[in-house]
N, C-alpha and C. Protein backbone atom coordinates (compact mmCIF):
# COMPACT_ATOMS: atom_id res chain seq x y z
N MET A 1 0.90 -1.33 0.07
CA MET A 1 -0.07 0.12 -0.02
C MET A 1 0.87 1.46 0.10
N PHE A 2 2.13 1.45 0.65
CA PHE A 2 2.91 2.59 0.97
C PHE A 2 3.30 2.77 -0.26
N GLN A 3 3.85 1.97 -1.29
CA GLN A 3 4.65 2.11 -2.53
C GLN A 3 3.59 2.38 -3.54
N MET A 4 2.40 1.78 -3.55
CA MET A 4 1.22 2.39 -4.52
C MET A 4 0.83 3.83 -4.15
N ASP A 5 0.66 4.03 -2.62
CA ASP A 5 0.49 5.45 -2.48
C ASP A 5 1.76 6.46 -2.91
N LEU A 6 2.50 5.95 -2.77
CA LEU A 6 4.00 6.71 -3.32
C LEU A 6 3.67 7.12 -4.91
N THR A 7 3.63 5.98 -5.37
CA THR A 7 3.74 5.95 -7.10
C THR A 7 2.66 6.94 -7.29
N SER A 8 1.31 6.85 -6.42
CA SER A 8 0.37 7.69 -7.06
C SER A 8 0.70 9.27 -6.94
N ARG A 9 1.29 9.31 -5.60
CA ARG A 9 1.73 10.99 -5.31
C ARG A 9 2.84 11.50 -6.51
N ALA A 10 3.74 10.39 -6.81
CA ALA A 10 4.72 10.80 -7.59
C ALA A 10 4.39 11.21 -8.86
N ALA A 11 3.14 10.26 -9.70
CA ALA A 11 2.76 10.63 -10.82
C ALA A 11 1.98 12.17 -11.01
N ALA A 12 1.28 12.39 -9.59
CA ALA A 12 0.61 13.57 -9.51
C ALA A 12 1.27 14.97 -9.75
N HIS A 13 2.88 14.84 -9.01
CA HIS A 13 3.84 15.71 -8.94
C HIS A 13 4.32 15.88 -10.57
N LEU A 14 4.79 14.78 -10.97
CA LEU A 14 4.98 14.68 -12.50
C LEU A 14 4.02 15.42 -13.10
N ALA A 15 2.89 15.09 -13.20
CA ALA A 15 1.74 15.42 -14.06
C ALA A 15 1.62 17.19 -13.67
N LYS A 16 1.87 17.66 -12.81
CA LYS A 16 1.82 19.13 -12.54
C LYS A 16 3.08 19.77 -13.16
N LEU A 17 4.03 19.41 -13.00
CA LEU A 17 5.31 19.57 -13.67
C LEU A 17 5.21 19.72 -15.27
N LYS A 18 4.70 18.53 -15.77
CA LYS A 18 4.58 18.63 -17.30
C LYS A 18 3.40 19.82 -17.62
N GLU A 19 2.10 20.26 -16.76
CA GLU A 19 1.53 21.15 -17.03
C GLU A 19 2.36 22.62 -16.78
N LEU A 20 3.52 22.66 -16.22
CA LEU A 20 3.92 23.82 -16.25
C LEU A 20 5.16 23.84 -17.17
N GLY A 21 5.32 22.94 -17.79
CA GLY A 21 6.45 23.06 -19.21
C GLY A 21 7.79 22.32 -18.38
N PHE A 22 7.58 21.52 -17.59
CA PHE A 22 8.82 21.02 -17.22
C PHE A 22 8.79 19.43 -17.15
N ASP A 23 9.84 18.86 -17.02
CA ASP A 23 9.94 17.37 -17.05
C ASP A 23 11.25 16.89 -16.15
N VAL A 24 11.49 15.74 -15.83
CA VAL A 24 12.39 15.51 -14.88
C VAL A 24 13.19 13.74 -15.33
N TYR A 25 14.43 14.08 -15.17
CA TYR A 25 15.25 12.76 -15.33
C TYR A 25 15.80 12.35 -13.95
N ALA A 26 15.61 11.12 -13.71
CA ALA A 26 16.37 10.57 -12.58
C ALA A 26 17.62 9.46 -12.67
N THR A 27 18.59 9.57 -12.20
CA THR A 27 19.60 8.59 -12.72
C THR A 27 20.64 8.69 -11.52
N ASP A 28 21.26 7.43 -11.58
CA ASP A 28 22.31 7.01 -10.52
C ASP A 28 23.42 6.64 -11.47
N ASP A 29 23.49 6.92 -12.94
CA ASP A 29 24.62 6.51 -13.24
C ASP A 29 25.87 8.06 -12.96
N PHE A 30 26.77 7.35 -12.44
CA PHE A 30 27.83 8.82 -11.59
C PHE A 30 28.27 9.25 -12.77
N ALA A 31 28.75 8.66 -13.81
CA ALA A 31 29.41 9.36 -14.84
C ALA A 31 28.90 9.95 -15.73
N GLU A 32 27.50 9.86 -15.95
CA GLU A 32 26.24 10.79 -16.44
C GLU A 32 25.96 11.75 -15.72
N ILE A 33 25.81 11.74 -14.26
CA ILE A 33 25.62 12.64 -13.37
C ILE A 33 26.56 13.82 -13.53
N GLU A 34 27.66 13.60 -13.47
CA GLU A 34 28.78 14.83 -13.73
C GLU A 34 28.61 15.55 -14.89
N LYS A 35 28.28 14.93 -15.89
CA LYS A 35 28.01 15.80 -17.20
C LYS A 35 26.80 16.64 -16.77
N LEU A 36 25.61 16.04 -16.45
CA LEU A 36 24.53 16.73 -16.42
C LEU A 36 24.80 17.56 -15.30
N VAL A 37 25.28 17.81 -14.05
CA VAL A 37 25.43 18.53 -12.88
C VAL A 37 26.21 19.87 -13.89
N GLN A 38 27.11 19.95 -14.37
CA GLN A 38 27.88 20.89 -15.12
C GLN A 38 26.66 21.74 -16.20
N GLN A 39 25.93 20.95 -16.69
CA GLN A 39 24.55 21.68 -17.63
C GLN A 39 23.99 22.45 -16.68
N THR A 40 23.73 22.09 -15.78
CA THR A 40 23.03 23.06 -14.79
C THR A 40 23.65 24.55 -14.39
N GLY A 41 24.94 24.64 -14.50
CA GLY A 41 25.58 25.63 -14.18
C GLY A 41 25.92 25.88 -12.95
N LYS A 42 25.74 25.02 -12.02
CA LYS A 42 26.16 25.41 -10.66
C LYS A 42 27.38 25.49 -10.59
N PRO A 43 27.64 26.49 -9.76
CA PRO A 43 29.17 27.10 -9.74
C PRO A 43 30.00 26.21 -8.73
N PHE A 44 29.43 25.52 -7.87
CA PHE A 44 30.13 24.50 -6.77
C PHE A 44 29.55 23.35 -6.63
N ARG A 45 30.09 22.57 -6.07
CA ARG A 45 29.67 21.02 -5.64
C ARG A 45 29.95 21.08 -3.96
N SER A 46 28.90 20.58 -3.37
CA SER A 46 28.93 20.24 -1.83
C SER A 46 29.67 19.13 -1.74
N PRO A 47 30.73 18.95 -0.79
CA PRO A 47 31.74 17.71 -0.92
C PRO A 47 30.71 16.60 -0.72
N MET A 48 29.87 16.68 -0.07
CA MET A 48 28.80 15.53 0.28
C MET A 48 28.19 14.74 -1.19
N PHE A 49 28.14 15.43 -2.06
CA PHE A 49 27.46 15.08 -3.27
C PHE A 49 28.27 15.33 -4.37
N ASP A 50 29.67 15.77 -4.26
CA ASP A 50 30.83 15.71 -5.08
C ASP A 50 30.84 14.51 -6.01
N THR A 51 30.76 13.60 -7.11
CA THR A 51 30.89 12.53 -7.44
C THR A 51 32.47 12.60 -7.95
N ARG A 52 33.15 13.58 -7.92
CA ARG A 52 34.73 13.49 -8.05
C ARG A 52 35.52 13.12 -6.80
N ARG A 53 34.89 13.35 -5.73
CA ARG A 53 35.47 13.11 -4.34
C ARG A 53 34.86 11.89 -3.73
N ASN A 54 33.69 11.38 -4.09
CA ASN A 54 33.00 10.04 -3.33
C ASN A 54 32.84 9.45 -4.68
N ASP A 55 33.18 7.83 -3.91
CA ASP A 55 33.00 6.99 -4.79
C ASP A 55 31.69 6.41 -4.65
N PHE A 56 30.44 6.90 -4.91
CA PHE A 56 29.25 6.29 -5.01
C PHE A 56 28.96 4.93 -5.47
N THR A 57 28.03 4.19 -4.95
CA THR A 57 27.99 3.08 -5.78
C THR A 57 26.44 2.65 -5.67
N GLU A 58 26.20 1.94 -6.54
CA GLU A 58 24.55 1.72 -6.91
C GLU A 58 23.82 1.75 -5.70
N GLY A 59 22.72 2.50 -5.66
CA GLY A 59 21.53 2.23 -4.24
C GLY A 59 22.14 3.23 -3.31
N ARG A 60 23.00 3.91 -3.15
CA ARG A 60 23.70 4.69 -2.37
C ARG A 60 22.90 6.49 -2.36
N ALA A 61 22.90 7.07 -3.75
CA ALA A 61 22.53 7.84 -3.93
C ALA A 61 21.91 7.86 -5.49
N PHE A 62 21.15 9.26 -5.89
CA PHE A 62 20.71 9.39 -7.17
C PHE A 62 20.49 10.79 -7.22
N TRP A 63 20.55 11.35 -8.47
CA TRP A 63 20.16 12.93 -8.80
C TRP A 63 18.78 12.91 -9.67
N LEU A 64 18.18 13.82 -9.09
CA LEU A 64 16.97 14.18 -9.85
C LEU A 64 16.98 15.52 -10.70
N PHE A 65 17.26 15.50 -12.18
CA PHE A 65 17.26 16.71 -12.60
C PHE A 65 15.96 17.10 -13.31
N LEU A 66 16.10 18.49 -13.59
CA LEU A 66 14.76 19.11 -14.23
C LEU A 66 15.07 19.53 -15.27
N LYS A 67 14.10 19.43 -16.29
CA LYS A 67 14.44 19.71 -17.64
C LYS A 67 13.21 20.62 -18.23
N GLN A 68 13.73 21.69 -18.98
CA GLN A 68 12.72 22.35 -19.75
C GLN A 68 13.07 22.62 -21.39
N ASN A 69 11.97 22.19 -22.16
CA ASN A 69 12.14 22.05 -23.47
C ASN A 69 13.74 20.91 -23.85
N GLY A 70 13.77 20.01 -23.12
CA GLY A 70 14.91 19.18 -23.18
C GLY A 70 16.33 19.50 -22.75
N ALA A 71 16.36 20.84 -22.16
CA ALA A 71 17.58 21.37 -21.57
C ALA A 71 17.51 21.00 -20.13
N VAL A 72 18.87 20.94 -19.51
CA VAL A 72 18.75 20.56 -17.62
C VAL A 72 18.74 22.05 -17.29
N VAL A 73 17.76 22.14 -16.52
CA VAL A 73 17.87 23.52 -15.72
C VAL A 73 17.70 23.31 -14.34
N GLY A 74 17.89 22.30 -13.70
CA GLY A 74 18.14 22.21 -12.43
C GLY A 74 18.52 20.82 -12.08
N GLY A 75 18.96 20.62 -10.49
CA GLY A 75 19.59 19.53 -10.48
C GLY A 75 19.00 19.06 -8.87
N LEU A 76 18.85 18.31 -8.46
CA LEU A 76 18.87 17.90 -6.79
C LEU A 76 19.14 16.40 -6.77
N ALA A 77 19.90 16.33 -5.57
CA ALA A 77 20.52 14.88 -5.25
C ALA A 77 19.91 14.34 -3.82
N ALA A 78 20.07 13.06 -3.63
CA ALA A 78 19.62 12.35 -2.53
C ALA A 78 20.70 11.29 -2.13
N GLN A 79 20.67 11.35 -0.82
CA GLN A 79 21.58 10.09 -0.59
C GLN A 79 21.20 9.39 0.82
N SER A 80 21.45 8.16 0.87
CA SER A 80 20.83 7.25 1.91
C SER A 80 22.03 7.20 2.66
N ILE A 81 21.53 7.35 4.05
CA ILE A 81 22.92 7.46 5.12
C ILE A 81 22.20 6.61 6.29
N PRO A 82 22.48 5.40 6.23
CA PRO A 82 22.34 4.40 7.58
C PRO A 82 23.01 4.36 8.40
N LEU A 83 22.54 5.35 9.71
CA LEU A 83 23.29 5.73 10.72
C LEU A 83 23.85 4.50 11.45
N GLY A 84 22.51 3.78 11.38
CA GLY A 84 22.91 2.72 12.75
C GLY A 84 22.93 3.05 14.10
N GLN A 85 23.91 2.85 14.99
CA GLN A 85 23.74 3.32 16.28
C GLN A 85 24.36 4.56 16.71
N GLU A 86 24.82 5.20 15.45
CA GLU A 86 25.59 6.63 15.26
C GLU A 86 24.82 7.79 15.71
N SER A 87 25.17 8.68 16.59
CA SER A 87 24.13 9.64 16.41
C SER A 87 24.34 10.74 15.48
N PHE A 88 23.40 11.68 15.28
CA PHE A 88 23.52 12.34 14.20
C PHE A 88 24.54 13.36 14.51
N GLY A 89 24.75 14.01 15.47
CA GLY A 89 25.88 14.69 15.76
C GLY A 89 27.20 14.44 15.63
N HIS A 90 27.74 13.13 15.84
CA HIS A 90 28.86 12.35 15.58
C HIS A 90 28.92 12.39 14.41
N TYR A 91 27.96 11.97 13.55
CA TYR A 91 28.16 11.77 11.97
C TYR A 91 28.40 13.02 11.19
N ILE A 92 27.74 13.83 11.72
CA ILE A 92 27.77 15.44 11.18
C ILE A 92 29.65 15.68 11.27
N ALA A 93 29.86 15.66 12.64
CA ALA A 93 31.27 15.93 12.67
C ALA A 93 32.18 15.13 12.04
N ARG A 94 32.07 13.95 12.06
CA ARG A 94 32.99 13.00 11.31
C ARG A 94 32.99 13.06 9.85
N SER A 95 31.50 13.13 9.21
CA SER A 95 31.61 13.09 7.87
C SER A 95 32.17 14.61 7.18
N THR A 96 31.69 15.48 8.01
CA THR A 96 32.17 17.18 7.58
C THR A 96 33.86 17.39 7.68
N ASN A 97 34.38 16.83 8.68
CA ASN A 97 36.06 16.63 8.51
C ASN A 97 36.41 15.98 7.48
N GLY A 98 35.95 14.70 7.29
CA GLY A 98 36.34 13.85 5.94
C GLY A 98 36.07 14.62 4.55
N GLN A 99 34.86 15.08 4.59
CA GLN A 99 34.37 15.50 3.40
C GLN A 99 35.31 16.75 3.04
N TYR A 100 35.13 17.72 3.77
CA TYR A 100 35.89 19.22 3.39
C TYR A 100 37.47 19.29 3.98
N ASN A 101 37.96 18.18 4.07
CA ASN A 101 39.67 18.02 4.41
C ASN A 101 39.93 19.12 5.27
N ILE A 102 38.94 19.61 6.50
CA ILE A 102 39.50 20.53 7.25
C ILE A 102 39.10 19.65 8.93
N GLU A 103 39.86 20.93 9.63
CA GLU A 103 39.50 20.20 11.04
C GLU A 103 38.39 21.03 11.96
N ALA A 104 37.24 20.87 11.32
CA ALA A 104 36.52 21.71 11.74
C ALA A 104 36.12 21.36 13.30
N GLU A 105 35.33 22.31 13.93
CA GLU A 105 35.01 22.14 15.63
C GLU A 105 33.54 22.38 15.65
N LEU A 106 32.86 21.57 15.42
CA LEU A 106 31.50 21.22 15.83
C LEU A 106 31.11 21.52 17.09
N GLU A 107 30.85 22.81 17.67
CA GLU A 107 30.60 22.79 19.08
C GLU A 107 29.33 22.49 19.73
N HIS A 108 28.16 22.62 18.57
CA HIS A 108 27.14 22.18 19.22
C HIS A 108 25.99 21.91 18.14
N VAL A 109 25.28 20.98 18.26
CA VAL A 109 24.21 20.28 17.46
C VAL A 109 23.19 20.60 18.19
N ALA A 110 21.78 20.95 17.50
CA ALA A 110 20.58 21.39 18.24
C ALA A 110 19.93 19.98 18.94
N ARG A 111 19.57 20.20 19.83
CA ARG A 111 19.01 18.88 20.72
C ARG A 111 17.99 18.32 20.05
N PRO A 112 16.98 18.81 19.14
CA PRO A 112 15.93 18.40 18.56
C PRO A 112 16.47 17.46 17.45
N LEU A 113 17.51 17.95 16.72
CA LEU A 113 17.99 17.00 15.63
C LEU A 113 18.62 15.89 16.29
N ASN A 114 19.78 15.78 17.59
CA ASN A 114 20.29 14.89 17.98
C ASN A 114 19.37 13.77 18.42
N GLU A 115 18.12 14.10 19.14
CA GLU A 115 17.10 13.54 19.57
C GLU A 115 16.15 12.44 18.65
N ARG A 116 16.20 13.27 17.43
CA ARG A 116 14.98 12.73 16.55
C ARG A 116 15.68 12.07 15.30
N LEU A 117 16.77 12.97 15.02
CA LEU A 117 17.13 12.09 13.61
C LEU A 117 18.14 10.84 13.75
N LYS A 118 17.47 9.77 13.93
CA LYS A 118 18.23 8.21 13.93
C LYS A 118 17.94 7.33 12.93
N GLY A 119 18.74 6.38 12.73
CA GLY A 119 18.56 5.33 12.10
C GLY A 119 18.77 5.59 10.75
N HIS A 120 17.89 5.46 9.97
CA HIS A 120 18.15 5.45 8.41
C HIS A 120 17.42 6.84 8.08
N LEU A 121 18.82 7.67 7.51
CA LEU A 121 18.35 9.02 7.16
C LEU A 121 18.24 8.80 5.55
N VAL A 122 17.61 10.09 4.87
CA VAL A 122 17.70 10.50 3.58
C VAL A 122 18.10 11.61 3.82
N TYR A 123 19.44 12.17 2.96
CA TYR A 123 19.90 13.37 2.83
C TYR A 123 19.64 14.15 1.59
N LEU A 124 19.12 15.20 1.31
CA LEU A 124 18.59 15.69 0.01
C LEU A 124 19.39 16.97 0.34
N GLY A 125 20.36 17.29 -0.95
CA GLY A 125 20.99 18.52 -0.91
C GLY A 125 21.69 18.91 -2.39
N ASP A 126 22.34 19.72 -2.54
CA ASP A 126 22.62 20.29 -3.78
C ASP A 126 21.82 20.88 -4.91
N LEU A 127 20.80 21.30 -4.29
CA LEU A 127 19.68 21.83 -5.30
C LEU A 127 20.51 22.90 -6.01
N HIS A 128 20.08 23.16 -7.15
CA HIS A 128 20.33 24.57 -7.97
C HIS A 128 19.57 24.54 -9.05
N ILE A 129 19.00 25.63 -9.18
CA ILE A 129 17.82 25.99 -10.39
C ILE A 129 18.87 27.09 -11.39
N THR A 130 18.47 26.75 -12.63
CA THR A 130 19.21 28.05 -13.39
C THR A 130 18.21 29.51 -13.63
N ASP A 131 18.62 30.08 -14.03
CA ASP A 131 18.10 31.37 -14.06
C ASP A 131 16.49 31.20 -14.97
N ALA A 132 16.67 30.14 -16.05
CA ALA A 132 15.49 29.89 -16.80
C ALA A 132 14.23 29.48 -16.05
N ALA A 133 14.39 28.61 -14.61
CA ALA A 133 13.39 28.20 -13.89
C ALA A 133 13.42 28.94 -12.89
N ARG A 134 14.15 29.63 -12.23
CA ARG A 134 14.32 30.45 -10.97
C ARG A 134 13.07 31.04 -10.66
N GLY A 135 12.89 31.28 -9.87
CA GLY A 135 11.32 31.98 -9.19
C GLY A 135 10.04 31.44 -9.51
N LYS A 136 9.88 30.50 -9.84
CA LYS A 136 8.84 29.66 -10.19
C LYS A 136 8.65 28.90 -9.02
N ARG A 137 7.90 29.15 -8.07
CA ARG A 137 7.54 28.68 -6.99
C ARG A 137 7.03 27.32 -7.21
N GLN A 138 5.83 27.04 -7.96
CA GLN A 138 5.30 25.99 -8.14
C GLN A 138 6.04 25.01 -8.56
N VAL A 139 7.18 25.53 -9.52
CA VAL A 139 7.64 24.35 -10.02
C VAL A 139 8.81 23.85 -8.88
N LEU A 140 9.38 24.73 -8.23
CA LEU A 140 10.36 24.26 -6.96
C LEU A 140 9.33 23.28 -6.52
N ARG A 141 7.97 23.65 -5.80
CA ARG A 141 7.29 22.78 -5.13
C ARG A 141 7.13 21.31 -5.41
N GLU A 142 6.75 21.40 -6.73
CA GLU A 142 6.76 19.72 -7.51
C GLU A 142 7.86 19.26 -7.72
N TYR A 143 8.86 19.87 -7.89
CA TYR A 143 10.15 19.25 -8.14
C TYR A 143 10.63 18.77 -6.92
N VAL A 144 10.83 19.23 -5.85
CA VAL A 144 11.52 18.95 -4.70
C VAL A 144 10.24 17.87 -3.61
N ARG A 145 9.46 17.96 -3.76
CA ARG A 145 8.11 16.77 -3.35
C ARG A 145 8.41 15.62 -4.00
N LEU A 146 8.75 15.67 -5.50
CA LEU A 146 8.84 14.72 -6.35
C LEU A 146 10.04 14.01 -5.61
N CYS A 147 11.06 14.77 -5.22
CA CYS A 147 12.27 13.97 -5.21
C CYS A 147 12.05 13.50 -3.86
N VAL A 148 11.41 13.93 -3.13
CA VAL A 148 11.12 13.45 -1.59
C VAL A 148 10.75 12.07 -1.96
N ILE A 149 9.33 11.92 -2.82
CA ILE A 149 8.65 10.69 -2.83
C ILE A 149 9.54 9.81 -3.44
N LEU A 150 10.37 10.05 -4.46
CA LEU A 150 11.41 9.17 -5.25
C LEU A 150 12.16 8.37 -3.91
N SER A 151 12.53 9.26 -3.17
CA SER A 151 13.62 8.99 -2.32
C SER A 151 12.94 7.64 -1.42
N ALA A 152 11.61 8.16 -1.01
CA ALA A 152 10.72 7.20 -0.28
C ALA A 152 10.62 5.77 -0.89
N MET A 153 10.54 6.03 -2.27
CA MET A 153 10.34 4.78 -2.99
C MET A 153 11.46 4.14 -3.36
N THR A 154 12.66 4.79 -3.15
CA THR A 154 14.22 4.01 -3.23
C THR A 154 14.34 3.45 -2.07
N TRP A 155 14.04 3.97 -1.05
CA TRP A 155 14.67 3.31 0.23
C TRP A 155 13.58 3.71 1.35
N PRO A 156 12.62 2.48 0.97
CA PRO A 156 11.48 2.45 2.08
C PRO A 156 11.42 2.35 3.52
N SER A 157 12.77 2.05 3.69
CA SER A 157 13.13 1.43 5.29
C SER A 157 13.47 2.89 6.00
N PHE A 158 13.46 4.09 5.30
CA PHE A 158 14.20 5.13 5.64
C PHE A 158 13.21 5.54 7.11
N ASP A 159 14.10 6.51 7.97
CA ASP A 159 13.38 6.80 9.14
C ASP A 159 12.82 8.36 9.12
N TRP A 160 13.99 8.84 8.45
CA TRP A 160 13.79 10.48 8.59
C TRP A 160 14.42 10.93 6.89
N VAL A 161 13.87 12.26 6.46
CA VAL A 161 14.43 12.49 5.36
C VAL A 161 14.72 14.35 6.02
N PHE A 162 16.04 14.92 5.43
CA PHE A 162 16.48 15.93 6.02
C PHE A 162 17.09 16.78 5.09
N ALA A 163 17.29 18.13 5.37
CA ALA A 163 17.98 18.88 4.25
C ALA A 163 18.50 20.38 5.02
N HIS A 164 19.74 20.94 4.61
CA HIS A 164 19.87 22.20 5.45
C HIS A 164 19.44 23.14 4.26
N ILE A 165 19.03 24.39 5.08
CA ILE A 165 18.27 25.42 4.42
C ILE A 165 19.07 26.82 5.07
N PRO A 166 19.47 27.59 4.38
CA PRO A 166 19.86 28.84 4.74
C PRO A 166 18.61 29.98 5.63
N TYR A 167 19.13 30.56 6.72
CA TYR A 167 18.34 31.27 7.18
C TYR A 167 17.16 31.84 6.36
N GLN A 168 17.90 32.65 5.59
CA GLN A 168 17.03 33.58 4.26
C GLN A 168 15.96 32.95 3.54
N HIS A 169 16.17 31.44 3.72
CA HIS A 169 15.25 30.82 2.63
C HIS A 169 14.43 29.99 3.56
N ARG A 170 14.50 30.25 4.64
CA ARG A 170 13.62 29.36 5.59
C ARG A 170 12.12 29.22 5.36
N SER A 171 11.62 30.14 4.52
CA SER A 171 10.29 30.12 4.25
C SER A 171 9.79 28.94 3.35
N LEU A 172 11.05 28.60 2.66
CA LEU A 172 11.01 27.36 1.71
C LEU A 172 10.47 26.19 2.14
N GLN A 173 10.42 26.11 3.36
CA GLN A 173 10.00 24.90 4.21
C GLN A 173 8.71 24.36 3.67
N ASP A 174 7.77 25.23 3.64
CA ASP A 174 6.49 24.63 3.50
C ASP A 174 6.37 24.46 1.99
N ILE A 175 7.16 25.32 1.06
CA ILE A 175 7.11 24.77 -0.43
C ILE A 175 7.54 23.36 -0.53
N TYR A 176 8.81 23.15 0.16
CA TYR A 176 9.25 22.03 -0.09
C TYR A 176 8.43 20.84 0.41
N GLY A 177 7.60 21.10 1.61
CA GLY A 177 6.79 20.15 2.13
C GLY A 177 7.43 19.39 3.54
N PHE A 178 8.25 20.05 4.35
CA PHE A 178 8.82 19.28 5.36
C PHE A 178 8.18 19.61 6.38
N ALA A 179 7.58 18.39 7.44
CA ALA A 179 7.03 19.07 8.40
C ALA A 179 7.56 19.55 9.61
N SER A 180 8.87 19.83 9.79
CA SER A 180 9.83 20.44 10.80
C SER A 180 10.73 21.32 10.36
N ILE A 181 11.12 22.15 11.60
CA ILE A 181 12.33 22.94 11.04
C ILE A 181 13.12 22.98 12.49
N THR A 182 14.12 23.28 12.37
CA THR A 182 15.13 23.43 13.74
C THR A 182 16.05 24.40 13.21
N HIS A 183 15.82 25.93 13.68
CA HIS A 183 17.09 26.84 13.41
C HIS A 183 18.03 26.72 14.17
N SER A 184 18.97 27.32 13.61
CA SER A 184 20.41 27.41 14.58
C SER A 184 20.78 26.01 14.78
N ALA A 185 20.74 25.04 13.90
CA ALA A 185 21.25 24.00 13.75
C ALA A 185 22.59 23.36 14.36
N PHE A 186 23.31 24.15 14.12
CA PHE A 186 24.94 23.63 14.38
C PHE A 186 25.57 25.01 15.07
N ARG A 187 26.50 24.66 15.65
CA ARG A 187 27.27 26.16 16.02
C ARG A 187 28.92 25.56 15.84
N TRP A 188 29.40 26.49 15.04
CA TRP A 188 30.84 26.01 14.50
C TRP A 188 31.66 27.15 15.18
N GLY A 189 33.06 26.32 15.34
CA GLY A 189 34.30 27.21 15.85
C GLY A 189 34.71 28.21 14.88
N ALA A 190 36.21 28.48 14.91
CA ALA A 190 36.52 29.31 13.63
C ALA A 190 36.67 28.54 12.42
N GLU A 191 37.17 27.47 12.49
CA GLU A 191 37.37 26.57 11.18
C GLU A 191 36.12 25.93 11.36
N ARG A 192 35.14 26.00 9.83
CA ARG A 192 33.78 25.79 9.54
C ARG A 192 33.83 25.59 8.26
N PRO A 193 32.80 24.53 7.73
CA PRO A 193 32.72 24.04 6.37
C PRO A 193 32.27 25.29 5.43
N PHE A 194 32.42 25.36 4.27
CA PHE A 194 32.13 25.90 3.46
C PHE A 194 30.33 26.16 3.19
N LEU A 195 30.30 27.44 3.44
CA LEU A 195 28.78 27.95 3.40
C LEU A 195 28.17 27.31 4.51
N ARG A 196 28.58 27.11 5.43
CA ARG A 196 27.82 26.33 6.74
C ARG A 196 27.87 27.69 7.66
N THR A 197 26.95 28.10 8.02
CA THR A 197 26.89 29.28 8.95
C THR A 197 25.91 28.72 10.37
N ASP A 198 26.07 29.58 11.51
CA ASP A 198 25.39 29.29 12.66
C ASP A 198 23.97 29.18 12.71
N ASP A 199 23.39 30.16 11.67
CA ASP A 199 22.13 30.51 12.04
C ASP A 199 21.35 29.41 10.69
N MET A 200 22.10 28.48 10.23
CA MET A 200 21.41 27.75 9.02
C MET A 200 20.23 26.72 10.09
N ALA A 201 19.59 26.35 8.92
CA ALA A 201 18.38 25.57 9.73
C ALA A 201 18.38 24.31 9.04
N VAL A 202 17.66 23.38 9.83
CA VAL A 202 17.64 21.87 9.15
C VAL A 202 16.26 21.55 8.87
N ILE A 203 15.67 21.15 7.55
CA ILE A 203 14.33 20.80 7.55
C ILE A 203 14.30 19.33 7.57
N TYR A 204 13.20 18.92 8.10
CA TYR A 204 12.90 17.27 8.12
C TYR A 204 11.76 17.01 8.33
N HIS A 205 11.58 15.66 7.97
CA HIS A 205 10.13 14.77 8.36
C HIS A 205 10.40 13.41 8.64
N ALA A 206 9.70 12.86 9.45
CA ALA A 206 9.88 11.63 9.62
C ALA A 206 8.65 10.71 8.66
N LYS A 207 9.14 9.36 8.68
CA LYS A 207 7.90 8.67 7.39
C LYS A 207 7.01 8.64 7.98
N ILE A 208 6.52 8.75 9.22
CA ILE A 208 4.80 8.60 9.76
C ILE A 208 4.55 10.39 9.25
N ASP A 209 5.22 11.45 9.05
CA ASP A 209 5.20 12.38 8.58
C ASP A 209 4.32 12.36 7.06
N LEU A 210 5.26 11.75 6.30
CA LEU A 210 4.97 11.28 4.85
C LEU A 210 3.67 10.44 4.90
N LEU A 211 3.77 9.47 5.39
CA LEU A 211 2.35 8.82 5.41
C LEU A 211 1.50 9.73 5.73
N HIS A 212 1.45 10.28 6.62
CA HIS A 212 0.25 11.19 6.93
C HIS A 212 -0.23 12.19 5.57
N SER A 213 0.60 12.64 4.97
CA SER A 213 0.58 13.45 3.76
C SER A 213 -0.12 12.65 2.39
N LEU A 214 0.29 11.30 2.48
CA LEU A 214 -0.21 10.74 1.51
C LEU A 214 -1.71 10.18 1.76
N LEU A 215 -2.14 10.54 3.00
CA LEU A 215 -3.79 10.14 3.55
C LEU A 215 -4.52 11.01 3.29
N ILE A 216 -4.09 12.44 2.97
CA ILE A 216 -4.88 13.36 2.99
C ILE A 216 -4.86 14.39 1.43
N ASP A 217 -5.84 14.99 1.30
CA ASP A 217 -5.65 15.89 -0.29
C ASP A 217 -4.60 16.77 -0.06
N ASP A 218 -3.87 17.20 -1.03
CA ASP A 218 -3.21 18.29 -1.08
C ASP A 218 -3.45 19.46 -0.57
N PRO A 219 -3.18 20.08 0.60
CA PRO A 219 -3.81 21.42 1.07
C PRO A 219 -3.77 22.56 0.21
N ASP A 220 -2.54 22.65 -0.60
CA ASP A 220 -2.19 23.70 -1.62
C ASP A 220 -3.68 23.68 -2.76
N GLU A 221 -4.31 22.31 -3.05
CA GLU A 221 -4.91 22.20 -4.08
C GLU A 221 -6.50 22.54 -3.28
N THR A 222 -6.63 22.36 -2.10
CA THR A 222 -8.11 22.50 -1.58
C THR A 222 -8.00 23.96 -1.46
N ALA A 223 -7.11 24.52 -0.86
CA ALA A 223 -7.00 26.11 -0.81
C ALA A 223 -7.38 26.78 -2.21
N LYS A 224 -6.92 26.28 -3.04
CA LYS A 224 -7.11 26.85 -4.55
C LYS A 224 -8.36 26.67 -4.74
N ASN A 225 -9.19 25.76 -4.53
CA ASN A 225 -10.66 24.88 -4.86
C ASN A 225 -11.50 26.06 -4.40
N LYS A 226 -11.11 26.19 -3.04
CA LYS A 226 -11.97 27.23 -2.15
C LYS A 226 -11.81 28.22 -2.52
N ARG A 227 -10.65 29.03 -3.01
CA ARG A 227 -10.61 30.60 -3.37
C ARG A 227 -11.24 30.67 -4.74
N LYS A 228 -11.49 29.45 -6.01
CA LYS A 228 -12.31 29.47 -7.08
C LYS A 228 -13.73 29.47 -6.49
N GLY A 229 -14.14 28.74 -5.61
CA GLY A 229 -15.64 28.44 -5.20
C GLY A 229 -16.22 29.93 -4.82
């Protein structure tokens, strides 16, 4: 039932994107991914998703590319992180130093994250949209939510989905469809990872939040219908 509901919701998001003039392409061919990421014009790659630094294997990550008139205009990556018994804070500190090749001092991880984000995590990151598609919130909404659904279909045993979000973009939590947000997620020492700030937030939701969203009508669509009436 879970997979059927996910498939139905994925089809709905894809249909809306097509109505808006966009399509998507999902792939875990890591040689192809490198070429497609370059087509998005993204000025930098975060170490967590840089295929030149990571020896990703099939089933560990995938990229969902946004297309318009056959051209790649956006990219977003999803990665499976089975924490096991490791704490979220310990994982962030360990992986940050390894990925960024620095001795960053992670002084504090917000308690809600350490207590909630456990087990099998899915991390979404490296979102980049070209100028051709930027500013279209409905497109961004369908695109990111579709990636969340595809992540759940790819790793149905997941416990949580999470992503980092800059403070100035915090209002996008609702656009992306994440149930929770924790502000000031991390506090770093003088040596900090690239683009990581102390006011950065983490948005996230549990599998049960996703299950709930699949059982109800799209609240945005309900609101639109009320306004029309």
